[in-house]
Amino acid sequence: VASITLGGSTNYEDSVKGRFTISRDNAKNTVYLQMNSLKP
């Protein structure tokens, strides 16, 4: 549904574009997915 490179370049599946945001904190070895306007 979403991916992110080490440098922060992102890609999204069409159905989630504009609603989901992927991010990462490399220092914490953590990746996040903010999901808004969720649908069934």
PDB file of all heavy atoms in Angstrom:
ATOM      1  N   VAL A   1       0.805  -1.215   0.000  1.00  0.00           N
ATOM      2  CA  VAL A   1       0.000   0.000   0.000  1.00  0.00           C
ATOM      3  C   VAL A   1       0.836   1.263   0.000  1.00  0.00           C
ATOM      4  O   VAL A   1       0.387   2.305  -0.486  1.00  0.00           O
ATOM      5  CB  VAL A   1      -1.004   0.028   1.173  1.00  0.00           C
ATOM      6  CG1 VAL A   1      -1.984  -1.129   1.057  1.00  0.00           C
ATOM      7  CG2 VAL A   1      -0.291  -0.019   2.517  1.00  0.00           C
ATOM      8  N   ALA A   2       2.037   1.200   0.544  1.00  0.00           N
ATOM      9  CA  ALA A   2       2.899   2.371   0.584  1.00  0.00           C
ATOM     10  C   ALA A   2       4.331   1.941   0.832  1.00  0.00           C
ATOM     11  O   ALA A   2       4.580   0.936   1.497  1.00  0.00           O
ATOM     12  CB  ALA A   2       2.460   3.349   1.673  1.00  0.00           C
ATOM     13  N   SER A   3       5.268   2.687   0.306  1.00  0.00           N
ATOM     14  CA  SER A   3       6.674   2.393   0.532  1.00  0.00           C
ATOM     15  C   SER A   3       7.463   3.683   0.632  1.00  0.00           C
ATOM     16  O   SER A   3       7.021   4.741   0.161  1.00  0.00           O
ATOM     17  CB  SER A   3       7.248   1.500  -0.572  1.00  0.00           C
ATOM     18  OG  SER A   3       7.264   2.162  -1.820  1.00  0.00           O
ATOM     19  N   ILE A   4       8.632   3.574   1.229  1.00  0.00           N
ATOM     20  CA  ILE A   4       9.487   4.738   1.408  1.00  0.00           C
ATOM     21  C   ILE A   4      10.940   4.307   1.351  1.00  0.00           C
ATOM     22  O   ILE A   4      11.314   3.268   1.889  1.00  0.00           O
ATOM     23  CB  ILE A   4       9.169   5.458   2.746  1.00  0.00           C
ATOM     24  CG1 ILE A   4       9.979   6.744   2.881  1.00  0.00           C
ATOM     25  CG2 ILE A   4       9.394   4.531   3.937  1.00  0.00           C
ATOM     26  CD1 ILE A   4       9.508   7.630   4.029  1.00  0.00           C
ATOM     27  N   THR A   5      11.760   5.091   0.694  1.00  0.00           N
ATOM     28  CA  THR A   5      13.179   4.792   0.595  1.00  0.00           C
ATOM     29  C   THR A   5      13.927   5.378   1.781  1.00  0.00           C
ATOM     30  O   THR A   5      13.382   6.134   2.582  1.00  0.00           O
ATOM     31  CB  THR A   5      13.782   5.345  -0.701  1.00  0.00           C
ATOM     32  OG1 THR A   5      13.765   6.780  -0.657  1.00  0.00           O
ATOM     33  CG2 THR A   5      13.009   4.866  -1.921  1.00  0.00           C
ATOM     34  N   LEU A   6      15.179   5.024   1.880  1.00  0.00           N
ATOM     35  CA  LEU A   6      16.018   5.529   2.953  1.00  0.00           C
ATOM     36  C   LEU A   6      16.079   7.049   2.924  1.00  0.00           C
ATOM     37  O   LEU A   6      16.156   7.695   3.972  1.00  0.00           O
ATOM     38  CB  LEU A   6      17.424   4.938   2.833  1.00  0.00           C
ATOM     39  CG  LEU A   6      18.351   5.050   4.041  1.00  0.00           C
ATOM     40  CD1 LEU A   6      17.765   4.326   5.243  1.00  0.00           C
ATOM     41  CD2 LEU A   6      19.723   4.464   3.686  1.00  0.00           C
ATOM     42  N   GLY A   7      16.032   7.613   1.740  1.00  0.00           N
ATOM     43  CA  GLY A   7      16.096   9.054   1.590  1.00  0.00           C
ATOM     44  C   GLY A   7      14.763   9.767   1.669  1.00  0.00           C
ATOM     45  O   GLY A   7      14.723  11.001   1.575  1.00  0.00           O
ATOM     46  N   GLY A   8      13.671   9.011   1.818  1.00  0.00           N
ATOM     47  CA  GLY A   8      12.367   9.622   2.002  1.00  0.00           C
ATOM     48  C   GLY A   8      11.479   9.696   0.779  1.00  0.00           C
ATOM     49  O   GLY A   8      10.404  10.309   0.840  1.00  0.00           O
ATOM     50  N   SER A   9      11.877   9.086  -0.312  1.00  0.00           N
ATOM     51  CA  SER A   9      11.021   9.045  -1.495  1.00  0.00           C
ATOM     52  C   SER A   9       9.887   8.051  -1.264  1.00  0.00           C
ATOM     53  O   SER A   9      10.120   6.937  -0.811  1.00  0.00           O
ATOM     54  CB  SER A   9      11.832   8.643  -2.721  1.00  0.00           C
ATOM     55  OG  SER A   9      11.017   8.597  -3.873  1.00  0.00           O
ATOM     56  N   THR A  10       8.657   8.448  -1.582  1.00  0.00           N
ATOM     57  CA  THR A  10       7.486   7.623  -1.268  1.00  0.00           C
ATOM     58  C   THR A  10       6.712   7.206  -2.501  1.00  0.00           C
ATOM     59  O   THR A  10       6.758   7.866  -3.542  1.00  0.00           O
ATOM     60  CB  THR A  10       6.534   8.367  -0.326  1.00  0.00           C
ATOM     61  OG1 THR A  10       6.103   9.584  -0.950  1.00  0.00           O
ATOM     62  CG2 THR A  10       7.218   8.695   0.992  1.00  0.00           C
ATOM     63  N   ASN A  11       5.996   6.103  -2.358  1.00  0.00           N
ATOM     64  CA  ASN A  11       5.074   5.612  -3.374  1.00  0.00           C
ATOM     65  C   ASN A  11       3.845   5.063  -2.683  1.00  0.00           C
ATOM     66  O   ASN A  11       3.935   4.507  -1.583  1.00  0.00           O
ATOM     67  CB  ASN A  11       5.720   4.527  -4.231  1.00  0.00           C
ATOM     68  CG  ASN A  11       6.705   5.075  -5.228  1.00  0.00           C
ATOM     69  OD1 ASN A  11       6.324   5.643  -6.236  1.00  0.00           O
ATOM     70  ND2 ASN A  11       7.992   4.915  -4.948  1.00  0.00           N
ATOM     71  N   TYR A  12       2.691   5.204  -3.351  1.00  0.00           N
ATOM     72  CA  TYR A  12       1.429   4.772  -2.773  1.00  0.00           C
ATOM     73  C   TYR A  12       0.591   4.008  -3.778  1.00  0.00           C
ATOM     74  O   TYR A  12       0.607   4.305  -4.977  1.00  0.00           O
ATOM     75  CB  TYR A  12       0.613   5.967  -2.273  1.00  0.00           C
ATOM     76  CG  TYR A  12       1.291   6.754  -1.183  1.00  0.00           C
ATOM     77  CD1 TYR A  12       2.077   7.858  -1.478  1.00  0.00           C
ATOM     78  CD2 TYR A  12       1.144   6.383   0.154  1.00  0.00           C
ATOM     79  CE1 TYR A  12       2.704   8.579  -0.482  1.00  0.00           C
ATOM     80  CE2 TYR A  12       1.769   7.099   1.158  1.00  0.00           C
ATOM     81  CZ  TYR A  12       2.546   8.198   0.841  1.00  0.00           C
ATOM     82  OH  TYR A  12       3.168   8.906   1.844  1.00  0.00           O
ATOM     83  N   GLU A  13      -0.136   3.034  -3.275  1.00  0.00           N
ATOM     84  CA  GLU A  13      -1.122   2.353  -4.086  1.00  0.00           C
ATOM     85  C   GLU A  13      -2.237   3.352  -4.391  1.00  0.00           C
ATOM     86  O   GLU A  13      -2.568   4.199  -3.566  1.00  0.00           O
ATOM     87  CB  GLU A  13      -1.644   1.128  -3.333  1.00  0.00           C
ATOM     88  CG  GLU A  13      -2.428   0.140  -4.174  1.00  0.00           C
ATOM     89  CD  GLU A  13      -3.901   0.461  -4.222  1.00  0.00           C
ATOM     90  OE1 GLU A  13      -4.418   1.038  -3.240  1.00  0.00           O
ATOM     91  OE2 GLU A  13      -4.539   0.132  -5.237  1.00  0.00           O
ATOM     92  N   ASP A  14      -2.803   3.259  -5.576  1.00  0.00           N
ATOM     93  CA  ASP A  14      -3.756   4.268  -6.029  1.00  0.00           C
ATOM     94  C   ASP A  14      -4.913   4.507  -5.059  1.00  0.00           C
ATOM     95  O   ASP A  14      -5.340   5.648  -4.863  1.00  0.00           O
ATOM     96  CB  ASP A  14      -4.319   3.888  -7.398  1.00  0.00           C
ATOM     97  CG  ASP A  14      -3.319   4.059  -8.515  1.00  0.00           C
ATOM     98  OD1 ASP A  14      -2.312   4.774  -8.315  1.00  0.00           O
ATOM     99  OD2 ASP A  14      -3.538   3.487  -9.595  1.00  0.00           O
ATOM    100  N   SER A  15      -5.411   3.459  -4.459  1.00  0.00           N
ATOM    101  CA  SER A  15      -6.591   3.585  -3.619  1.00  0.00           C
ATOM    102  C   SER A  15      -6.339   4.347  -2.314  1.00  0.00           C
ATOM    103  O   SER A  15      -7.291   4.769  -1.656  1.00  0.00           O
ATOM    104  CB  SER A  15      -7.178   2.206  -3.297  1.00  0.00           C
ATOM    105  OG  SER A  15      -6.321   1.465  -2.453  1.00  0.00           O
ATOM    106  N   VAL A  16      -5.077   4.530  -1.940  1.00  0.00           N
ATOM    107  CA  VAL A  16      -4.774   5.218  -0.688  1.00  0.00           C
ATOM    108  C   VAL A  16      -4.112   6.570  -0.903  1.00  0.00           C
ATOM    109  O   VAL A  16      -3.858   7.286   0.072  1.00  0.00           O
ATOM    110  CB  VAL A  16      -3.893   4.356   0.249  1.00  0.00           C
ATOM    111  CG1 VAL A  16      -4.506   2.978   0.443  1.00  0.00           C
ATOM    112  CG2 VAL A  16      -2.468   4.242  -0.285  1.00  0.00           C
ATOM    113  N   LYS A  17      -3.860   6.927  -2.129  1.00  0.00           N
ATOM    114  CA  LYS A  17      -3.225   8.211  -2.421  1.00  0.00           C
ATOM    115  C   LYS A  17      -4.073   9.361  -1.892  1.00  0.00           C
ATOM    116  O   LYS A  17      -5.281   9.399  -2.078  1.00  0.00           O
ATOM    117  CB  LYS A  17      -3.011   8.382  -3.924  1.00  0.00           C
ATOM    118  CG  LYS A  17      -1.880   7.554  -4.491  1.00  0.00           C
ATOM    119  CD  LYS A  17      -1.701   7.813  -5.977  1.00  0.00           C
ATOM    120  CE  LYS A  17      -0.546   7.006  -6.543  1.00  0.00           C
ATOM    121  NZ  LYS A  17      -0.394   7.211  -7.998  1.00  0.00           N
ATOM    122  N   GLY A  18      -3.413  10.284  -1.225  1.00  0.00           N
ATOM    123  CA  GLY A  18      -4.107  11.422  -0.657  1.00  0.00           C
ATOM    124  C   GLY A  18      -4.684  11.172   0.709  1.00  0.00           C
ATOM    125  O   GLY A  18      -5.115  12.120   1.378  1.00  0.00           O
ATOM    126  N   ARG A  19      -4.713   9.912   1.136  1.00  0.00           N
ATOM    127  CA  ARG A  19      -5.268   9.560   2.439  1.00  0.00           C
ATOM    128  C   ARG A  19      -4.221   9.026   3.406  1.00  0.00           C
ATOM    129  O   ARG A  19      -4.306   9.276   4.602  1.00  0.00           O
ATOM    130  CB  ARG A  19      -6.381   8.522   2.284  1.00  0.00           C
ATOM    131  CG  ARG A  19      -7.535   8.972   1.399  1.00  0.00           C
ATOM    132  CD  ARG A  19      -8.704   7.995   1.448  1.00  0.00           C
ATOM    133  NE  ARG A  19      -8.340   6.673   0.942  1.00  0.00           N
ATOM    134  CZ  ARG A  19      -8.379   5.554   1.671  1.00  0.00           C
ATOM    135  NH1 ARG A  19      -8.778   5.602   2.940  1.00  0.00           N
ATOM    136  NH2 ARG A  19      -8.040   4.394   1.131  1.00  0.00           N
ATOM    137  N   PHE A  20      -3.256   8.287   2.883  1.00  0.00           N
ATOM    138  CA  PHE A  20      -2.219   7.681   3.717  1.00  0.00           C
ATOM    139  C   PHE A  20      -0.894   8.404   3.518  1.00  0.00           C
ATOM    140  O   PHE A  20      -0.586   8.879   2.419  1.00  0.00           O
ATOM    141  CB  PHE A  20      -2.015   6.207   3.355  1.00  0.00           C
ATOM    142  CG  PHE A  20      -3.145   5.287   3.727  1.00  0.00           C
ATOM    143  CD1 PHE A  20      -4.370   5.774   4.159  1.00  0.00           C
ATOM    144  CD2 PHE A  20      -2.970   3.914   3.645  1.00  0.00           C
ATOM    145  CE1 PHE A  20      -5.408   4.924   4.496  1.00  0.00           C
ATOM    146  CE2 PHE A  20      -3.999   3.050   3.977  1.00  0.00           C
ATOM    147  CZ  PHE A  20      -5.217   3.547   4.402  1.00  0.00           C
ATOM    148  N   THR A  21      -0.105   8.462   4.576  1.00  0.00           N
ATOM    149  CA  THR A  21       1.225   9.038   4.508  1.00  0.00           C
ATOM    150  C   THR A  21       2.209   8.114   5.215  1.00  0.00           C
ATOM    151  O   THR A  21       2.034   7.800   6.388  1.00  0.00           O
ATOM    152  CB  THR A  21       1.276  10.427   5.158  1.00  0.00           C
ATOM    153  OG1 THR A  21       0.347  11.304   4.518  1.00  0.00           O
ATOM    154  CG2 THR A  21       2.681  11.021   5.023  1.00  0.00           C
ATOM    155  N   ILE A  22       3.226   7.686   4.498  1.00  0.00           N
ATOM    156  CA  ILE A  22       4.262   6.854   5.082  1.00  0.00           C
ATOM    157  C   ILE A  22       5.462   7.721   5.431  1.00  0.00           C
ATOM    158  O   ILE A  22       5.800   8.661   4.705  1.00  0.00           O
ATOM    159  CB  ILE A  22       4.663   5.703   4.135  1.00  0.00           C
ATOM    160  CG1 ILE A  22       5.612   4.721   4.830  1.00  0.00           C
ATOM    161  CG2 ILE A  22       5.272   6.236   2.843  1.00  0.00           C
ATOM    162  CD1 ILE A  22       5.879   3.451   4.028  1.00  0.00           C
ATOM    163  N   SER A  23       6.095   7.424   6.549  1.00  0.00           N
ATOM    164  CA  SER A  23       7.277   8.158   6.966  1.00  0.00           C
ATOM    165  C   SER A  23       8.190   7.216   7.739  1.00  0.00           C
ATOM    166  O   SER A  23       7.793   6.103   8.097  1.00  0.00           O
ATOM    167  CB  SER A  23       6.905   9.377   7.820  1.00  0.00           C
ATOM    168  OG  SER A  23       6.228   8.984   8.999  1.00  0.00           O
ATOM    169  N   ARG A  24       9.401   7.653   7.991  1.00  0.00           N
ATOM    170  CA  ARG A  24      10.328   6.815   8.748  1.00  0.00           C
ATOM    171  C   ARG A  24      11.257   7.662   9.584  1.00  0.00           C
ATOM    172  O   ARG A  24      11.604   8.787   9.224  1.00  0.00           O
ATOM    173  CB  ARG A  24      11.124   5.894   7.815  1.00  0.00           C
ATOM    174  CG  ARG A  24      12.073   6.598   6.859  1.00  0.00           C
ATOM    175  CD  ARG A  24      12.589   5.654   5.770  1.00  0.00           C
ATOM    176  NE  ARG A  24      13.407   4.571   6.305  1.00  0.00           N
ATOM    177  CZ  ARG A  24      13.859   3.534   5.592  1.00  0.00           C
ATOM    178  NH1 ARG A  24      13.544   3.454   4.295  1.00  0.00           N
ATOM    179  NH2 ARG A  24      14.595   2.593   6.153  1.00  0.00           N
ATOM    180  N   ASP A  25      11.649   7.101  10.702  1.00  0.00           N
ATOM    181  CA  ASP A  25      12.636   7.698  11.578  1.00  0.00           C
ATOM    182  C   ASP A  25      13.789   6.710  11.617  1.00  0.00           C
ATOM    183  O   ASP A  25      13.756   5.725  12.349  1.00  0.00           O
ATOM    184  CB  ASP A  25      12.059   7.935  12.974  1.00  0.00           C
ATOM    185  CG  ASP A  25      13.013   8.682  13.890  1.00  0.00           C
ATOM    186  OD1 ASP A  25      14.241   8.613  13.671  1.00  0.00           O
ATOM    187  OD2 ASP A  25      12.535   9.339  14.828  1.00  0.00           O
ATOM    188  N   ASN A  26      14.785   6.963  10.820  1.00  0.00           N
ATOM    189  CA  ASN A  26      15.886   6.018  10.683  1.00  0.00           C
ATOM    190  C   ASN A  26      16.668   5.834  11.978  1.00  0.00           C
ATOM    191  O   ASN A  26      17.170   4.748  12.253  1.00  0.00           O
ATOM    192  CB  ASN A  26      16.821   6.472   9.559  1.00  0.00           C
ATOM    193  CG  ASN A  26      16.154   6.434   8.198  1.00  0.00           C
ATOM    194  OD1 ASN A  26      15.353   5.539   7.912  1.00  0.00           O
ATOM    195  ND2 ASN A  26      16.479   7.397   7.353  1.00  0.00           N
ATOM    196  N   ALA A  27      16.772   6.887  12.772  1.00  0.00           N
ATOM    197  CA  ALA A  27      17.488   6.795  14.037  1.00  0.00           C
ATOM    198  C   ALA A  27      16.793   5.846  15.005  1.00  0.00           C
ATOM    199  O   ALA A  27      17.438   5.229  15.853  1.00  0.00           O
ATOM    200  CB  ALA A  27      17.640   8.170  14.669  1.00  0.00           C
ATOM    201  N   LYS A  28      15.475   5.737  14.896  1.00  0.00           N
ATOM    202  CA  LYS A  28      14.698   4.867  15.772  1.00  0.00           C
ATOM    203  C   LYS A  28      14.336   3.538  15.118  1.00  0.00           C
ATOM    204  O   LYS A  28      13.634   2.728  15.723  1.00  0.00           O
ATOM    205  CB  LYS A  28      13.415   5.569  16.212  1.00  0.00           C
ATOM    206  CG  LYS A  28      13.647   6.785  17.093  1.00  0.00           C
ATOM    207  CD  LYS A  28      12.329   7.386  17.541  1.00  0.00           C
ATOM    208  CE  LYS A  28      12.548   8.560  18.472  1.00  0.00           C
ATOM    209  NZ  LYS A  28      11.274   9.149  18.938  1.00  0.00           N
ATOM    210  N   ASN A  29      14.801   3.328  13.901  1.00  0.00           N
ATOM    211  CA  ASN A  29      14.480   2.109  13.153  1.00  0.00           C
ATOM    212  C   ASN A  29      12.976   1.869  13.104  1.00  0.00           C
ATOM    213  O   ASN A  29      12.507   0.739  13.274  1.00  0.00           O
ATOM    214  CB  ASN A  29      15.192   0.899  13.768  1.00  0.00           C
ATOM    215  CG  ASN A  29      16.695   1.019  13.710  1.00  0.00           C
ATOM    216  OD1 ASN A  29      17.263   1.268  12.651  1.00  0.00           O
ATOM    217  ND2 ASN A  29      17.347   0.832  14.844  1.00  0.00           N
ATOM    218  N   THR A  30      12.244   2.927  12.868  1.00  0.00           N
ATOM    219  CA  THR A  30      10.792   2.870  12.898  1.00  0.00           C
ATOM    220  C   THR A  30      10.197   3.466  11.634  1.00  0.00           C
ATOM    221  O   THR A  30      10.666   4.497  11.149  1.00  0.00           O
ATOM    222  CB  THR A  30      10.242   3.613  14.125  1.00  0.00           C
ATOM    223  OG1 THR A  30      10.811   3.046  15.315  1.00  0.00           O
ATOM    224  CG2 THR A  30       8.732   3.499  14.206  1.00  0.00           C
ATOM    225  N   VAL A  31       9.162   2.812  11.131  1.00  0.00           N
ATOM    226  CA  VAL A  31       8.403   3.291   9.983  1.00  0.00           C
ATOM    227  C   VAL A  31       6.966   3.513  10.433  1.00  0.00           C
ATOM    228  O   VAL A  31       6.423   2.723  11.203  1.00  0.00           O
ATOM    229  CB  VAL A  31       8.447   2.296   8.816  1.00  0.00           C
ATOM    230  CG1 VAL A  31       7.724   2.860   7.603  1.00  0.00           C
ATOM    231  CG2 VAL A  31       9.888   1.963   8.453  1.00  0.00           C
ATOM    232  N   TYR A  32       6.357   4.574   9.939  1.00  0.00           N
ATOM    233  CA  TYR A  32       5.008   4.928  10.333  1.00  0.00           C
ATOM    234  C   TYR A  32       4.078   4.951   9.127  1.00  0.00           C
ATOM    235  O   TYR A  32       4.503   5.154   7.995  1.00  0.00           O
ATOM    236  CB  TYR A  32       4.970   6.306  10.995  1.00  0.00           C
ATOM    237  CG  TYR A  32       5.908   6.458  12.168  1.00  0.00           C
ATOM    238  CD1 TYR A  32       7.178   7.005  12.006  1.00  0.00           C
ATOM    239  CD2 TYR A  32       5.524   6.055  13.443  1.00  0.00           C
ATOM    240  CE1 TYR A  32       8.040   7.148  13.076  1.00  0.00           C
ATOM    241  CE2 TYR A  32       6.376   6.192  14.519  1.00  0.00           C
ATOM    242  CZ  TYR A  32       7.629   6.741  14.333  1.00  0.00           C
ATOM    243  OH  TYR A  32       8.475   6.880  15.404  1.00  0.00           O
ATOM    244  N   LEU A  33       2.810   4.759   9.403  1.00  0.00           N
ATOM    245  CA  LEU A  33       1.789   4.923   8.381  1.00  0.00           C
ATOM    246  C   LEU A  33       0.629   5.692   8.994  1.00  0.00           C
ATOM    247  O   LEU A  33      -0.100   5.159   9.832  1.00  0.00           O
ATOM    248  CB  LEU A  33       1.298   3.577   7.843  1.00  0.00           C
ATOM    249  CG  LEU A  33       0.308   3.665   6.676  1.00  0.00           C
ATOM    250  CD1 LEU A  33       0.992   4.243   5.437  1.00  0.00           C
ATOM    251  CD2 LEU A  33      -0.296   2.296   6.361  1.00  0.00           C
ATOM    252  N   GLN A  34       0.488   6.936   8.593  1.00  0.00           N
ATOM    253  CA  GLN A  34      -0.637   7.753   9.012  1.00  0.00           C
ATOM    254  C   GLN A  34      -1.775   7.514   8.041  1.00  0.00           C
ATOM    255  O   GLN A  34      -1.628   7.744   6.839  1.00  0.00           O
ATOM    256  CB  GLN A  34      -0.256   9.230   9.034  1.00  0.00           C
ATOM    257  CG  GLN A  34      -1.388  10.167   9.421  1.00  0.00           C
ATOM    258  CD  GLN A  34      -1.840   9.987  10.849  1.00  0.00           C
ATOM    259  OE1 GLN A  34      -1.017   9.921  11.754  1.00  0.00           O
ATOM    260  NE2 GLN A  34      -3.151   9.887  11.057  1.00  0.00           N
ATOM    261  N   MET A  35      -2.902   7.058   8.552  1.00  0.00           N
ATOM    262  CA  MET A  35      -4.046   6.722   7.725  1.00  0.00           C
ATOM    263  C   MET A  35      -5.209   7.638   8.083  1.00  0.00           C
ATOM    264  O   MET A  35      -5.690   7.619   9.214  1.00  0.00           O
ATOM    265  CB  MET A  35      -4.449   5.263   7.913  1.00  0.00           C
ATOM    266  CG  MET A  35      -3.313   4.279   7.660  1.00  0.00           C
ATOM    267  SD  MET A  35      -3.857   2.555   7.745  1.00  0.00           S
ATOM    268  CE  MET A  35      -4.294   2.455   9.475  1.00  0.00           C
ATOM    269  N   ASN A  36      -5.637   8.426   7.121  1.00  0.00           N
ATOM    270  CA  ASN A  36      -6.762   9.334   7.302  1.00  0.00           C
ATOM    271  C   ASN A  36      -7.896   8.953   6.359  1.00  0.00           C
ATOM    272  O   ASN A  36      -7.699   8.230   5.390  1.00  0.00           O
ATOM    273  CB  ASN A  36      -6.337  10.779   7.040  1.00  0.00           C
ATOM    274  CG  ASN A  36      -5.252  11.264   7.976  1.00  0.00           C
ATOM    275  OD1 ASN A  36      -5.218  10.905   9.147  1.00  0.00           O
ATOM    276  ND2 ASN A  36      -4.359  12.111   7.459  1.00  0.00           N
ATOM    277  N   SER A  37      -9.070   9.484   6.645  1.00  0.00           N
ATOM    278  CA  SER A  37     -10.247   9.235   5.806  1.00  0.00           C
ATOM    279  C   SER A  37     -10.423   7.752   5.522  1.00  0.00           C
ATOM    280  O   SER A  37     -10.641   7.337   4.382  1.00  0.00           O
ATOM    281  CB  SER A  37     -10.133  10.024   4.498  1.00  0.00           C
ATOM    282  OG  SER A  37     -10.001  11.406   4.740  1.00  0.00           O
ATOM    283  N   LEU A  38     -10.346   6.963   6.553  1.00  0.00           N
ATOM    284  CA  LEU A  38     -10.400   5.515   6.393  1.00  0.00           C
ATOM    285  C   LEU A  38     -11.754   5.041   5.872  1.00  0.00           C
ATOM    286  O   LEU A  38     -12.793   5.597   6.213  1.00  0.00           O
ATOM    287  CB  LEU A  38     -10.076   4.830   7.714  1.00  0.00           C
ATOM    288  CG  LEU A  38      -8.582   4.827   8.071  1.00  0.00           C
ATOM    289  CD1 LEU A  38      -8.381   4.546   9.547  1.00  0.00           C
ATOM    290  CD2 LEU A  38      -7.849   3.792   7.219  1.00  0.00           C
ATOM    291  N   LYS A  39     -11.691   4.015   5.057  1.00  0.00           N
ATOM    292  CA  LYS A  39     -12.864   3.417   4.447  1.00  0.00           C
ATOM    293  C   LYS A  39     -12.977   1.951   4.862  1.00  0.00           C
ATOM    294  O   LYS A  39     -11.975   1.335   5.217  1.00  0.00           O
ATOM    295  CB  LYS A  39     -12.766   3.490   2.918  1.00  0.00           C
ATOM    296  CG  LYS A  39     -12.554   4.883   2.358  1.00  0.00           C
ATOM    297  CD  LYS A  39     -12.349   4.825   0.850  1.00  0.00           C
ATOM    298  CE  LYS A  39     -12.128   6.211   0.275  1.00  0.00           C
ATOM    299  NZ  LYS A  39     -11.905   6.159  -1.197  1.00  0.00           N
ATOM    300  N   PRO A  40     -14.169   1.389   4.803  1.00  0.00           N
ATOM    301  CA  PRO A  40     -14.306  -0.040   5.118  1.00  0.00           C
ATOM    302  C   PRO A  40     -13.392  -0.924   4.274  1.00  0.00           C
ATOM    303  O   PRO A  40     -12.938  -1.964   4.757  1.00  0.00           O
ATOM    304  CB  PRO A  40     -15.784  -0.317   4.819  1.00  0.00           C
ATOM    305  CG  PRO A  40     -16.459   0.979   5.086  1.00  0.00           C
ATOM    306  CD  PRO A  40     -15.484   2.021   4.594  1.00  0.00           C
TER     307      PRO A  40
END
